[in-house]
Amino acid sequence: MSSVDGPVVIRALNDRLPDDLVVWAAKKVPSTTPTRPVISRKYYYRCEVIKTWPESVDIDLLNKACQVFVGTHDFTNLCRLEEGKEPTRTVISCEPWLDDDNRPIGICVVAKSFLWNQVRRMASAITGVVSGNYGLEFLARSIEQPNIPVDMGMGTSGGLILWEINHSALEGMGMGSVPDTRLFSKPPSSLRGHKNWMGL
């Protein structure tokens, strides 16, 4: 940012970014600061965009499904594994995402790093459990027995939000905030209505 103020940089970036990307903070760091090493990344996934997400969600079952993924696991069955990539990742936390009315709308996942499509596939798998298509045991086997192929689908990219990147150089800037869900509309229960809602 050299001699340019942070607010000026933020405005300039937001003027040029697509509508679904927003810069809300900036911090000056030395030009030698490495960009790749991070402490953790936090993703939210709005499972409501998956048409099989139930209108009424068993929060206890949702929490149990989320907890299956916490810890170090082989996520071969829950990613698009690139050649030469190590499939083992450590999920620091995976929790239900509740809106301002405490209605379950998705999941919040934190890890140091993720595999390609990992969060979208986790969201689809968890949706499968809360909608009654899979049991918790089936979900657990998908990571306990990665040599046995299992495909539980993949959520659309429209539900994925990269919310936080915790980097040592940023000194916790923006950490601890949550998405504002007050303007989220509730998806229709019919498949046709859901499709139209997704197109809004």
N, C-alpha and C. Protein backbone atom coordinates (compact mmCIF):
# COMPACT_ATOMS: atom_id res chain seq x y z
N MET A 1 0.82 -1.20 0.00
CA MET A 1 0.00 0.00 0.00
C MET A 1 0.86 1.25 0.00
N SER A 2 2.15 1.15 0.18
CA SER A 2 3.12 2.25 0.16
C SER A 2 2.53 3.50 0.80
N SER A 3 2.35 4.59 0.02
CA SER A 3 1.88 5.85 0.58
C SER A 3 0.36 6.00 0.51
N VAL A 4 -0.33 5.02 -0.04
CA VAL A 4 -1.78 5.10 -0.20
C VAL A 4 -2.47 4.58 1.06
N ASP A 5 -3.48 5.31 1.53
CA ASP A 5 -4.21 4.91 2.73
C ASP A 5 -5.03 3.64 2.49
N GLY A 6 -5.22 2.87 3.58
CA GLY A 6 -5.99 1.65 3.50
C GLY A 6 -7.38 1.82 2.92
N PRO A 7 -8.18 2.82 3.40
CA PRO A 7 -9.53 3.01 2.85
C PRO A 7 -9.55 3.26 1.35
N VAL A 8 -8.52 3.94 0.84
CA VAL A 8 -8.44 4.20 -0.60
C VAL A 8 -8.22 2.89 -1.35
N VAL A 9 -7.34 2.04 -0.82
CA VAL A 9 -7.07 0.74 -1.43
C VAL A 9 -8.33 -0.12 -1.43
N ILE A 10 -9.05 -0.12 -0.30
CA ILE A 10 -10.27 -0.92 -0.20
C ILE A 10 -11.30 -0.47 -1.23
N ARG A 11 -11.51 0.84 -1.35
CA ARG A 11 -12.48 1.35 -2.33
C ARG A 11 -12.07 0.99 -3.75
N ALA A 12 -10.78 1.13 -4.05
CA ALA A 12 -10.28 0.83 -5.40
C ALA A 12 -10.47 -0.65 -5.74
N LEU A 13 -10.18 -1.52 -4.78
CA LEU A 13 -10.36 -2.95 -5.02
C LEU A 13 -11.83 -3.30 -5.22
N ASN A 14 -12.70 -2.78 -4.36
CA ASN A 14 -14.12 -3.10 -4.45
C ASN A 14 -14.76 -2.57 -5.73
N ASP A 15 -14.22 -1.47 -6.26
CA ASP A 15 -14.73 -0.93 -7.54
C ASP A 15 -14.46 -1.89 -8.69
N ARG A 16 -13.45 -2.74 -8.54
CA ARG A 16 -13.03 -3.60 -9.64
C ARG A 16 -13.37 -5.08 -9.45
N LEU A 17 -13.82 -5.43 -8.26
CA LEU A 17 -14.14 -6.84 -7.98
C LEU A 17 -15.55 -7.21 -8.44
N PRO A 18 -15.78 -8.50 -8.73
CA PRO A 18 -17.15 -8.95 -9.03
C PRO A 18 -18.07 -8.69 -7.84
N ASP A 19 -19.38 -8.67 -8.09
CA ASP A 19 -20.35 -8.33 -7.05
C ASP A 19 -20.33 -9.28 -5.86
N ASP A 20 -19.90 -10.54 -6.07
CA ASP A 20 -19.94 -11.50 -4.97
C ASP A 20 -18.63 -11.55 -4.17
N LEU A 21 -17.72 -10.60 -4.43
CA LEU A 21 -16.48 -10.48 -3.65
C LEU A 21 -16.40 -9.08 -3.05
N VAL A 22 -16.03 -9.01 -1.77
CA VAL A 22 -15.94 -7.72 -1.09
C VAL A 22 -14.69 -7.69 -0.22
N VAL A 23 -13.91 -6.62 -0.32
CA VAL A 23 -12.79 -6.37 0.59
C VAL A 23 -13.30 -5.42 1.66
N TRP A 24 -13.16 -5.80 2.93
CA TRP A 24 -13.68 -4.94 4.00
C TRP A 24 -12.59 -4.47 4.97
N ALA A 25 -11.35 -4.94 4.78
CA ALA A 25 -10.25 -4.49 5.63
C ALA A 25 -8.94 -4.69 4.90
N ALA A 26 -7.95 -3.89 5.25
CA ALA A 26 -6.62 -4.01 4.65
C ALA A 26 -5.57 -3.67 5.71
N LYS A 27 -4.41 -4.29 5.59
CA LYS A 27 -3.33 -4.04 6.55
C LYS A 27 -2.01 -4.00 5.80
N LYS A 28 -1.21 -3.01 6.10
CA LYS A 28 0.09 -2.87 5.46
C LYS A 28 1.08 -3.86 6.09
N VAL A 29 1.74 -4.65 5.24
CA VAL A 29 2.75 -5.61 5.70
C VAL A 29 3.98 -5.47 4.81
N PRO A 30 5.14 -5.92 5.27
CA PRO A 30 6.35 -5.86 4.44
C PRO A 30 6.16 -6.63 3.13
N SER A 31 6.81 -6.17 2.08
CA SER A 31 6.67 -6.83 0.77
C SER A 31 7.24 -8.25 0.78
N THR A 32 8.06 -8.56 1.78
CA THR A 32 8.65 -9.90 1.87
C THR A 32 7.75 -10.89 2.63
N THR A 33 6.58 -10.44 3.10
CA THR A 33 5.68 -11.31 3.86
C THR A 33 5.19 -12.46 2.98
N PRO A 34 5.40 -13.71 3.39
CA PRO A 34 4.90 -14.84 2.59
C PRO A 34 3.38 -14.90 2.65
N THR A 35 2.75 -15.20 1.52
CA THR A 35 1.29 -15.21 1.47
C THR A 35 0.70 -16.59 1.75
N ARG A 36 1.44 -17.65 1.48
CA ARG A 36 0.86 -18.99 1.56
C ARG A 36 0.69 -19.53 2.99
N PRO A 37 1.72 -19.43 3.86
CA PRO A 37 1.55 -20.08 5.16
C PRO A 37 0.47 -19.39 6.00
N VAL A 38 -0.57 -20.12 6.37
CA VAL A 38 -1.63 -19.56 7.20
C VAL A 38 -1.83 -20.45 8.43
N ILE A 39 -2.45 -19.87 9.45
CA ILE A 39 -2.75 -20.63 10.67
C ILE A 39 -4.01 -21.46 10.46
N SER A 40 -5.01 -20.85 9.85
CA SER A 40 -6.26 -21.58 9.58
C SER A 40 -7.10 -20.83 8.56
N ARG A 41 -8.04 -21.56 7.96
CA ARG A 41 -9.04 -20.99 7.06
C ARG A 41 -10.41 -21.39 7.59
N LYS A 42 -11.36 -20.47 7.47
CA LYS A 42 -12.73 -20.77 7.90
C LYS A 42 -13.68 -20.62 6.72
N TYR A 43 -14.45 -21.68 6.47
CA TYR A 43 -15.48 -21.66 5.44
C TYR A 43 -16.85 -21.81 6.07
N TYR A 44 -17.80 -21.08 5.52
CA TYR A 44 -19.22 -21.36 5.79
C TYR A 44 -19.79 -21.98 4.52
N TYR A 45 -20.71 -22.92 4.72
CA TYR A 45 -21.44 -23.45 3.57
C TYR A 45 -22.93 -23.42 3.89
N ARG A 46 -23.68 -22.71 3.06
CA ARG A 46 -25.13 -22.61 3.26
C ARG A 46 -25.80 -23.81 2.61
N CYS A 47 -26.07 -24.83 3.42
CA CYS A 47 -26.62 -26.09 2.91
C CYS A 47 -28.03 -25.93 2.35
N GLU A 48 -28.70 -24.84 2.67
CA GLU A 48 -30.03 -24.58 2.13
C GLU A 48 -30.05 -24.53 0.61
N VAL A 49 -28.90 -24.27 -0.01
CA VAL A 49 -28.87 -24.22 -1.48
C VAL A 49 -28.92 -25.63 -2.07
N ILE A 50 -28.71 -26.65 -1.25
CA ILE A 50 -28.85 -28.04 -1.69
C ILE A 50 -30.33 -28.41 -1.55
N LYS A 51 -30.97 -28.80 -2.64
CA LYS A 51 -32.43 -28.95 -2.62
C LYS A 51 -32.93 -30.04 -1.68
N THR A 52 -32.07 -30.96 -1.26
CA THR A 52 -32.51 -32.01 -0.32
C THR A 52 -32.37 -31.60 1.15
N TRP A 53 -31.87 -30.38 1.41
CA TRP A 53 -31.77 -29.90 2.80
C TRP A 53 -33.19 -29.80 3.37
N PRO A 54 -33.47 -30.49 4.48
CA PRO A 54 -34.85 -30.52 4.98
C PRO A 54 -35.32 -29.17 5.54
N GLU A 55 -36.63 -28.96 5.46
CA GLU A 55 -37.21 -27.73 5.98
C GLU A 55 -37.06 -27.67 7.50
N SER A 56 -37.17 -28.83 8.15
CA SER A 56 -36.98 -28.92 9.60
C SER A 56 -35.79 -29.84 9.87
N VAL A 57 -34.74 -29.28 10.47
CA VAL A 57 -33.48 -30.00 10.68
C VAL A 57 -33.34 -30.42 12.14
N ASP A 58 -32.99 -31.67 12.36
CA ASP A 58 -32.68 -32.17 13.70
C ASP A 58 -31.29 -31.65 14.07
N ILE A 59 -31.23 -30.63 14.94
CA ILE A 59 -29.97 -29.97 15.26
C ILE A 59 -28.99 -30.92 15.93
N ASP A 60 -29.50 -31.85 16.72
CA ASP A 60 -28.63 -32.83 17.38
C ASP A 60 -27.97 -33.74 16.35
N LEU A 61 -28.75 -34.19 15.37
CA LEU A 61 -28.20 -35.04 14.31
C LEU A 61 -27.21 -34.26 13.46
N LEU A 62 -27.53 -33.00 13.17
CA LEU A 62 -26.62 -32.15 12.39
C LEU A 62 -25.29 -31.99 13.12
N ASN A 63 -25.34 -31.75 14.41
CA ASN A 63 -24.12 -31.59 15.19
C ASN A 63 -23.29 -32.87 15.20
N LYS A 64 -23.95 -34.02 15.33
CA LYS A 64 -23.24 -35.31 15.32
C LYS A 64 -22.58 -35.56 13.96
N ALA A 65 -23.28 -35.20 12.89
CA ALA A 65 -22.71 -35.37 11.55
C ALA A 65 -21.50 -34.48 11.36
N CYS A 66 -21.57 -33.25 11.87
CA CYS A 66 -20.43 -32.34 11.77
C CYS A 66 -19.22 -32.90 12.52
N GLN A 67 -19.46 -33.45 13.71
CA GLN A 67 -18.37 -33.94 14.56
C GLN A 67 -17.64 -35.13 13.95
N VAL A 68 -18.28 -35.86 13.04
CA VAL A 68 -17.62 -36.99 12.38
C VAL A 68 -16.34 -36.53 11.69
N PHE A 69 -16.34 -35.31 11.16
CA PHE A 69 -15.21 -34.84 10.36
C PHE A 69 -14.10 -34.17 11.18
N VAL A 70 -14.35 -33.90 12.45
CA VAL A 70 -13.35 -33.21 13.28
C VAL A 70 -12.19 -34.15 13.57
N GLY A 71 -10.96 -33.64 13.41
CA GLY A 71 -9.77 -34.44 13.63
C GLY A 71 -9.03 -34.68 12.32
N THR A 72 -8.05 -35.55 12.36
CA THR A 72 -7.22 -35.86 11.19
C THR A 72 -7.76 -37.09 10.49
N HIS A 73 -8.10 -36.92 9.20
CA HIS A 73 -8.71 -38.02 8.44
C HIS A 73 -8.21 -38.01 7.00
N ASP A 74 -8.40 -39.13 6.33
CA ASP A 74 -8.14 -39.24 4.89
C ASP A 74 -9.43 -38.88 4.16
N PHE A 75 -9.41 -37.76 3.43
CA PHE A 75 -10.61 -37.24 2.79
C PHE A 75 -10.69 -37.60 1.30
N THR A 76 -10.09 -38.73 0.93
CA THR A 76 -10.11 -39.16 -0.47
C THR A 76 -11.53 -39.20 -1.04
N ASN A 77 -12.49 -39.68 -0.24
CA ASN A 77 -13.88 -39.79 -0.71
C ASN A 77 -14.64 -38.47 -0.67
N LEU A 78 -14.00 -37.42 -0.15
CA LEU A 78 -14.71 -36.16 0.02
C LEU A 78 -13.93 -35.00 -0.60
N CYS A 79 -13.36 -35.24 -1.77
CA CYS A 79 -12.63 -34.18 -2.46
C CYS A 79 -12.41 -34.60 -3.91
N ARG A 80 -11.92 -33.66 -4.68
CA ARG A 80 -11.39 -33.99 -6.00
C ARG A 80 -9.88 -34.01 -5.82
N LEU A 81 -9.33 -35.19 -5.71
CA LEU A 81 -7.93 -35.34 -5.34
C LEU A 81 -7.03 -35.15 -6.55
N GLU A 82 -6.19 -34.13 -6.46
CA GLU A 82 -5.23 -33.87 -7.53
C GLU A 82 -4.05 -34.83 -7.43
N GLU A 83 -3.46 -35.15 -8.55
CA GLU A 83 -2.34 -36.08 -8.59
C GLU A 83 -1.19 -35.56 -7.73
N GLY A 84 -0.69 -36.44 -6.88
CA GLY A 84 0.43 -36.09 -6.02
C GLY A 84 0.04 -35.40 -4.72
N LYS A 85 -1.25 -35.11 -4.53
CA LYS A 85 -1.71 -34.44 -3.32
C LYS A 85 -1.92 -35.44 -2.19
N GLU A 86 -1.53 -35.05 -0.99
CA GLU A 86 -1.75 -35.86 0.21
C GLU A 86 -3.22 -35.68 0.63
N PRO A 87 -4.00 -36.77 0.75
CA PRO A 87 -5.43 -36.64 1.05
C PRO A 87 -5.77 -36.43 2.53
N THR A 88 -4.77 -36.47 3.39
CA THR A 88 -5.03 -36.33 4.83
C THR A 88 -5.07 -34.85 5.22
N ARG A 89 -6.13 -34.46 5.91
CA ARG A 89 -6.28 -33.10 6.40
C ARG A 89 -6.80 -33.14 7.84
N THR A 90 -6.49 -32.10 8.61
CA THR A 90 -6.96 -31.99 9.98
C THR A 90 -8.03 -30.91 10.06
N VAL A 91 -9.24 -31.31 10.37
CA VAL A 91 -10.34 -30.36 10.56
C VAL A 91 -10.35 -29.94 12.03
N ILE A 92 -10.12 -28.66 12.27
CA ILE A 92 -10.05 -28.12 13.63
C ILE A 92 -11.44 -28.08 14.26
N SER A 93 -12.42 -27.63 13.48
CA SER A 93 -13.80 -27.61 13.97
C SER A 93 -14.77 -27.70 12.81
N CYS A 94 -15.91 -28.30 13.07
CA CYS A 94 -17.01 -28.37 12.09
C CYS A 94 -18.29 -28.27 12.91
N GLU A 95 -19.05 -27.21 12.69
CA GLU A 95 -20.21 -26.92 13.53
C GLU A 95 -21.41 -26.53 12.68
N PRO A 96 -22.63 -26.70 13.22
CA PRO A 96 -23.81 -26.19 12.53
C PRO A 96 -23.74 -24.67 12.41
N TRP A 97 -24.21 -24.15 11.29
CA TRP A 97 -24.34 -22.70 11.08
C TRP A 97 -25.81 -22.35 11.28
N LEU A 98 -26.08 -21.49 12.25
CA LEU A 98 -27.45 -21.08 12.56
C LEU A 98 -27.66 -19.63 12.13
N ASP A 99 -28.86 -19.33 11.63
CA ASP A 99 -29.13 -17.94 11.27
C ASP A 99 -29.53 -17.15 12.51
N ASP A 100 -29.93 -15.90 12.33
CA ASP A 100 -30.23 -15.03 13.47
C ASP A 100 -31.44 -15.51 14.28
N ASP A 101 -32.24 -16.40 13.70
CA ASP A 101 -33.39 -16.97 14.41
C ASP A 101 -33.07 -18.37 14.95
N ASN A 102 -31.78 -18.71 14.98
CA ASN A 102 -31.31 -20.03 15.45
C ASN A 102 -31.84 -21.18 14.60
N ARG A 103 -32.09 -20.90 13.33
CA ARG A 103 -32.51 -21.94 12.38
C ARG A 103 -31.28 -22.50 11.70
N PRO A 104 -31.06 -23.83 11.69
CA PRO A 104 -29.89 -24.41 11.03
C PRO A 104 -29.95 -24.17 9.52
N ILE A 105 -28.91 -23.53 8.98
CA ILE A 105 -28.89 -23.24 7.55
C ILE A 105 -27.66 -23.82 6.84
N GLY A 106 -26.72 -24.38 7.60
CA GLY A 106 -25.53 -24.93 6.97
C GLY A 106 -24.48 -25.33 7.98
N ILE A 107 -23.21 -25.25 7.55
CA ILE A 107 -22.10 -25.67 8.40
C ILE A 107 -20.99 -24.62 8.37
N CYS A 108 -20.17 -24.63 9.41
CA CYS A 108 -18.97 -23.79 9.50
C CYS A 108 -17.79 -24.71 9.77
N VAL A 109 -16.77 -24.64 8.91
CA VAL A 109 -15.64 -25.58 8.98
C VAL A 109 -14.33 -24.80 9.05
N VAL A 110 -13.45 -25.21 9.97
CA VAL A 110 -12.14 -24.57 10.13
C VAL A 110 -11.04 -25.63 10.01
N ALA A 111 -10.03 -25.33 9.22
CA ALA A 111 -8.84 -26.20 9.08
C ALA A 111 -7.68 -25.34 8.62
N LYS A 112 -6.48 -25.86 8.76
CA LYS A 112 -5.32 -25.13 8.24
C LYS A 112 -5.36 -25.10 6.72
N SER A 113 -5.73 -26.22 6.13
CA SER A 113 -5.82 -26.29 4.67
C SER A 113 -6.90 -27.28 4.28
N PHE A 114 -7.40 -27.11 3.06
CA PHE A 114 -8.46 -27.97 2.53
C PHE A 114 -8.06 -28.51 1.17
N LEU A 115 -8.67 -29.62 0.81
CA LEU A 115 -8.51 -30.19 -0.52
C LEU A 115 -9.55 -29.59 -1.45
N TRP A 116 -9.33 -29.76 -2.76
CA TRP A 116 -10.22 -29.22 -3.77
C TRP A 116 -11.62 -29.82 -3.58
N ASN A 117 -12.62 -28.97 -3.46
CA ASN A 117 -14.03 -29.35 -3.30
C ASN A 117 -14.35 -30.05 -1.97
N GLN A 118 -13.41 -30.04 -1.03
CA GLN A 118 -13.63 -30.76 0.22
C GLN A 118 -14.85 -30.24 0.99
N VAL A 119 -14.95 -28.93 1.17
CA VAL A 119 -16.05 -28.38 1.96
C VAL A 119 -17.39 -28.62 1.27
N ARG A 120 -17.43 -28.47 -0.05
CA ARG A 120 -18.68 -28.69 -0.79
C ARG A 120 -19.13 -30.15 -0.70
N ARG A 121 -18.19 -31.07 -0.69
CA ARG A 121 -18.54 -32.49 -0.55
C ARG A 121 -18.91 -32.84 0.90
N MET A 122 -18.24 -32.22 1.85
CA MET A 122 -18.63 -32.41 3.25
C MET A 122 -20.06 -31.92 3.47
N ALA A 123 -20.38 -30.76 2.89
CA ALA A 123 -21.73 -30.19 3.04
C ALA A 123 -22.78 -31.11 2.44
N SER A 124 -22.49 -31.68 1.28
CA SER A 124 -23.42 -32.60 0.63
C SER A 124 -23.61 -33.87 1.47
N ALA A 125 -22.51 -34.38 2.02
CA ALA A 125 -22.58 -35.59 2.84
C ALA A 125 -23.39 -35.35 4.11
N ILE A 126 -23.16 -34.22 4.76
CA ILE A 126 -23.90 -33.88 5.98
C ILE A 126 -25.38 -33.67 5.66
N THR A 127 -25.66 -33.04 4.52
CA THR A 127 -27.05 -32.88 4.09
C THR A 127 -27.71 -34.24 3.89
N GLY A 128 -26.94 -35.20 3.35
CA GLY A 128 -27.45 -36.55 3.17
C GLY A 128 -27.85 -37.21 4.48
N VAL A 129 -27.10 -36.91 5.54
CA VAL A 129 -27.41 -37.48 6.85
C VAL A 129 -28.67 -36.84 7.44
N VAL A 130 -28.73 -35.49 7.45
CA VAL A 130 -29.88 -34.83 8.09
C VAL A 130 -31.16 -35.01 7.28
N SER A 131 -31.04 -35.35 6.00
CA SER A 131 -32.23 -35.60 5.18
C SER A 131 -32.64 -37.07 5.21
N GLY A 132 -31.85 -37.91 5.89
CA GLY A 132 -32.21 -39.31 6.06
C GLY A 132 -31.71 -40.24 4.97
N ASN A 133 -30.89 -39.74 4.05
CA ASN A 133 -30.37 -40.60 2.97
C ASN A 133 -29.23 -41.49 3.43
N TYR A 134 -28.46 -41.04 4.43
CA TYR A 134 -27.34 -41.82 4.96
C TYR A 134 -27.41 -41.81 6.48
N GLY A 135 -26.79 -42.81 7.09
CA GLY A 135 -26.65 -42.84 8.53
C GLY A 135 -25.29 -42.30 8.95
N LEU A 136 -25.12 -42.03 10.23
CA LEU A 136 -23.84 -41.53 10.74
C LEU A 136 -22.74 -42.56 10.53
N GLU A 137 -23.07 -43.85 10.63
CA GLU A 137 -22.07 -44.90 10.45
C GLU A 137 -21.54 -44.89 9.01
N PHE A 138 -22.44 -44.70 8.06
CA PHE A 138 -22.04 -44.64 6.66
C PHE A 138 -21.11 -43.45 6.43
N LEU A 139 -21.47 -42.32 7.03
CA LEU A 139 -20.65 -41.11 6.91
C LEU A 139 -19.25 -41.35 7.48
N ALA A 140 -19.19 -41.98 8.65
CA ALA A 140 -17.90 -42.25 9.29
C ALA A 140 -17.05 -43.20 8.45
N ARG A 141 -17.68 -44.21 7.84
CA ARG A 141 -16.93 -45.17 7.03
C ARG A 141 -16.29 -44.50 5.81
N SER A 142 -16.88 -43.42 5.33
CA SER A 142 -16.33 -42.75 4.14
C SER A 142 -14.92 -42.21 4.38
N ILE A 143 -14.61 -41.88 5.65
CA ILE A 143 -13.26 -41.41 5.96
C ILE A 143 -12.42 -42.46 6.67
N GLU A 144 -13.09 -43.44 7.30
CA GLU A 144 -12.35 -44.51 7.96
C GLU A 144 -11.86 -45.56 6.97
N GLN A 145 -12.57 -45.69 5.83
CA GLN A 145 -12.20 -46.65 4.79
C GLN A 145 -12.09 -45.93 3.44
N PRO A 146 -11.09 -45.05 3.31
CA PRO A 146 -10.97 -44.25 2.09
C PRO A 146 -10.66 -45.07 0.84
N ASN A 147 -10.24 -46.32 1.03
CA ASN A 147 -9.93 -47.19 -0.11
C ASN A 147 -11.19 -47.74 -0.77
N ILE A 148 -12.34 -47.61 -0.10
CA ILE A 148 -13.63 -48.03 -0.67
C ILE A 148 -14.33 -46.79 -1.19
N PRO A 149 -14.44 -46.64 -2.52
CA PRO A 149 -15.01 -45.41 -3.09
C PRO A 149 -16.46 -45.18 -2.67
N VAL A 150 -16.74 -43.96 -2.26
CA VAL A 150 -18.08 -43.52 -1.89
C VAL A 150 -18.29 -42.13 -2.48
N ASP A 151 -19.45 -41.92 -3.12
CA ASP A 151 -19.77 -40.60 -3.68
C ASP A 151 -21.08 -40.11 -3.08
N MET A 152 -21.00 -39.12 -2.21
CA MET A 152 -22.20 -38.56 -1.58
C MET A 152 -22.57 -37.21 -2.18
N GLY A 153 -22.06 -36.96 -3.38
CA GLY A 153 -22.42 -35.74 -4.08
C GLY A 153 -21.57 -34.54 -3.68
N MET A 154 -21.87 -33.41 -4.30
CA MET A 154 -21.13 -32.18 -4.03
C MET A 154 -22.08 -30.99 -4.10
N GLY A 155 -22.05 -30.16 -3.08
CA GLY A 155 -22.89 -28.97 -3.07
C GLY A 155 -22.45 -27.97 -4.12
N THR A 156 -23.39 -27.16 -4.59
CA THR A 156 -23.09 -26.14 -5.57
C THR A 156 -22.12 -25.10 -5.02
N SER A 157 -21.36 -24.48 -5.89
CA SER A 157 -20.38 -23.46 -5.45
C SER A 157 -21.08 -22.24 -4.86
N GLY A 158 -22.37 -22.05 -5.19
CA GLY A 158 -23.10 -20.88 -4.71
C GLY A 158 -23.29 -20.84 -3.21
N GLY A 159 -23.14 -21.98 -2.52
CA GLY A 159 -23.32 -21.99 -1.08
C GLY A 159 -22.05 -21.79 -0.29
N LEU A 160 -20.90 -21.72 -0.97
CA LEU A 160 -19.59 -21.70 -0.31
C LEU A 160 -19.11 -20.28 -0.04
N ILE A 161 -18.69 -20.03 1.21
CA ILE A 161 -18.15 -18.72 1.59
C ILE A 161 -16.82 -18.92 2.30
N LEU A 162 -15.73 -18.40 1.71
CA LEU A 162 -14.45 -18.34 2.43
C LEU A 162 -14.52 -17.10 3.31
N TRP A 163 -14.64 -17.30 4.62
CA TRP A 163 -14.94 -16.19 5.51
C TRP A 163 -13.69 -15.62 6.20
N GLU A 164 -12.78 -16.46 6.61
CA GLU A 164 -11.60 -15.99 7.33
C GLU A 164 -10.35 -16.72 6.88
N ILE A 165 -9.25 -15.99 6.81
CA ILE A 165 -7.92 -16.58 6.67
C ILE A 165 -7.09 -16.01 7.82
N ASN A 166 -6.74 -16.87 8.74
CA ASN A 166 -5.96 -16.45 9.91
C ASN A 166 -4.48 -16.56 9.56
N HIS A 167 -3.84 -15.42 9.36
CA HIS A 167 -2.43 -15.35 8.97
C HIS A 167 -1.69 -14.58 10.06
N SER A 168 -0.51 -15.06 10.43
CA SER A 168 0.24 -14.44 11.52
C SER A 168 0.54 -12.97 11.25
N ALA A 169 0.73 -12.60 9.99
CA ALA A 169 1.06 -11.21 9.66
C ALA A 169 -0.13 -10.28 9.83
N LEU A 170 -1.34 -10.82 9.87
CA LEU A 170 -2.54 -9.98 9.98
C LEU A 170 -2.96 -9.75 11.43
N GLU A 171 -2.29 -10.41 12.36
CA GLU A 171 -2.51 -10.21 13.80
C GLU A 171 -3.98 -10.30 14.19
N GLY A 172 -4.67 -11.29 13.63
CA GLY A 172 -6.06 -11.53 14.02
C GLY A 172 -7.07 -10.58 13.42
N MET A 173 -6.69 -9.80 12.41
CA MET A 173 -7.60 -8.83 11.81
C MET A 173 -8.87 -9.52 11.30
N GLY A 174 -10.01 -9.07 11.79
CA GLY A 174 -11.29 -9.59 11.32
C GLY A 174 -11.70 -10.92 11.91
N MET A 175 -10.88 -11.50 12.77
CA MET A 175 -11.19 -12.82 13.31
C MET A 175 -12.37 -12.73 14.29
N GLY A 176 -13.20 -13.76 14.28
CA GLY A 176 -14.30 -13.83 15.23
C GLY A 176 -15.62 -13.27 14.74
N SER A 177 -15.64 -12.67 13.56
CA SER A 177 -16.90 -12.15 13.02
C SER A 177 -17.70 -13.29 12.39
N VAL A 178 -18.99 -13.05 12.19
CA VAL A 178 -19.86 -14.05 11.57
C VAL A 178 -20.67 -13.39 10.47
N PRO A 179 -21.08 -14.15 9.45
CA PRO A 179 -21.90 -13.57 8.38
C PRO A 179 -23.25 -13.09 8.92
N ASP A 180 -23.71 -11.97 8.39
CA ASP A 180 -25.02 -11.43 8.75
C ASP A 180 -26.09 -12.14 7.92
N THR A 181 -26.95 -12.89 8.57
CA THR A 181 -27.95 -13.69 7.85
C THR A 181 -29.33 -13.03 7.82
N ARG A 182 -29.44 -11.79 8.29
CA ARG A 182 -30.75 -11.17 8.41
C ARG A 182 -31.47 -11.01 7.07
N LEU A 183 -30.70 -10.90 5.99
CA LEU A 183 -31.32 -10.72 4.67
C LEU A 183 -31.49 -12.03 3.92
N PHE A 184 -31.12 -13.15 4.54
CA PHE A 184 -31.28 -14.45 3.89
C PHE A 184 -32.77 -14.79 3.80
N SER A 185 -33.22 -15.14 2.62
CA SER A 185 -34.60 -15.60 2.47
C SER A 185 -34.65 -17.11 2.70
N LYS A 186 -35.81 -17.58 3.13
CA LYS A 186 -35.98 -19.01 3.39
C LYS A 186 -36.33 -19.71 2.08
N PRO A 187 -35.63 -20.81 1.75
CA PRO A 187 -35.91 -21.49 0.48
C PRO A 187 -37.29 -22.13 0.45
N PRO A 188 -37.95 -22.13 -0.71
CA PRO A 188 -39.24 -22.82 -0.84
C PRO A 188 -39.06 -24.33 -0.66
N SER A 189 -40.12 -25.01 -0.23
CA SER A 189 -40.03 -26.44 0.01
C SER A 189 -40.17 -27.27 -1.27
N SER A 190 -40.82 -26.73 -2.30
CA SER A 190 -41.00 -27.49 -3.54
C SER A 190 -39.73 -27.45 -4.39
N LEU A 191 -39.49 -28.50 -5.17
CA LEU A 191 -38.29 -28.56 -6.02
C LEU A 191 -38.31 -27.45 -7.06
N ARG A 192 -39.48 -27.21 -7.68
CA ARG A 192 -39.59 -26.14 -8.68
C ARG A 192 -39.34 -24.77 -8.03
N GLY A 193 -39.95 -24.58 -6.87
CA GLY A 193 -39.74 -23.32 -6.16
C GLY A 193 -38.30 -23.12 -5.76
N HIS A 194 -37.64 -24.21 -5.33
CA HIS A 194 -36.23 -24.13 -4.94
C HIS A 194 -35.36 -23.76 -6.13
N LYS A 195 -35.66 -24.33 -7.29
CA LYS A 195 -34.89 -24.02 -8.49
C LYS A 195 -35.04 -22.55 -8.86
N ASN A 196 -36.26 -22.03 -8.78
CA ASN A 196 -36.48 -20.61 -9.08
C ASN A 196 -35.79 -19.72 -8.05
N TRP A 197 -35.83 -20.13 -6.77
CA TRP A 197 -35.19 -19.38 -5.69
C TRP A 197 -33.68 -19.30 -5.91
N MET A 198 -33.08 -20.41 -6.37
CA MET A 198 -31.65 -20.45 -6.64
C MET A 198 -31.28 -19.52 -7.79
N GLY A 199 -32.22 -19.24 -8.69
CA GLY A 199 -31.94 -18.38 -9.83
C GLY A 199 -32.09 -16.91 -9.56
N LEU A 200 -32.54 -16.56 -8.35
CA LEU A 200 -32.74 -15.14 -8.02
C LEU A 200 -31.42 -14.40 -7.92
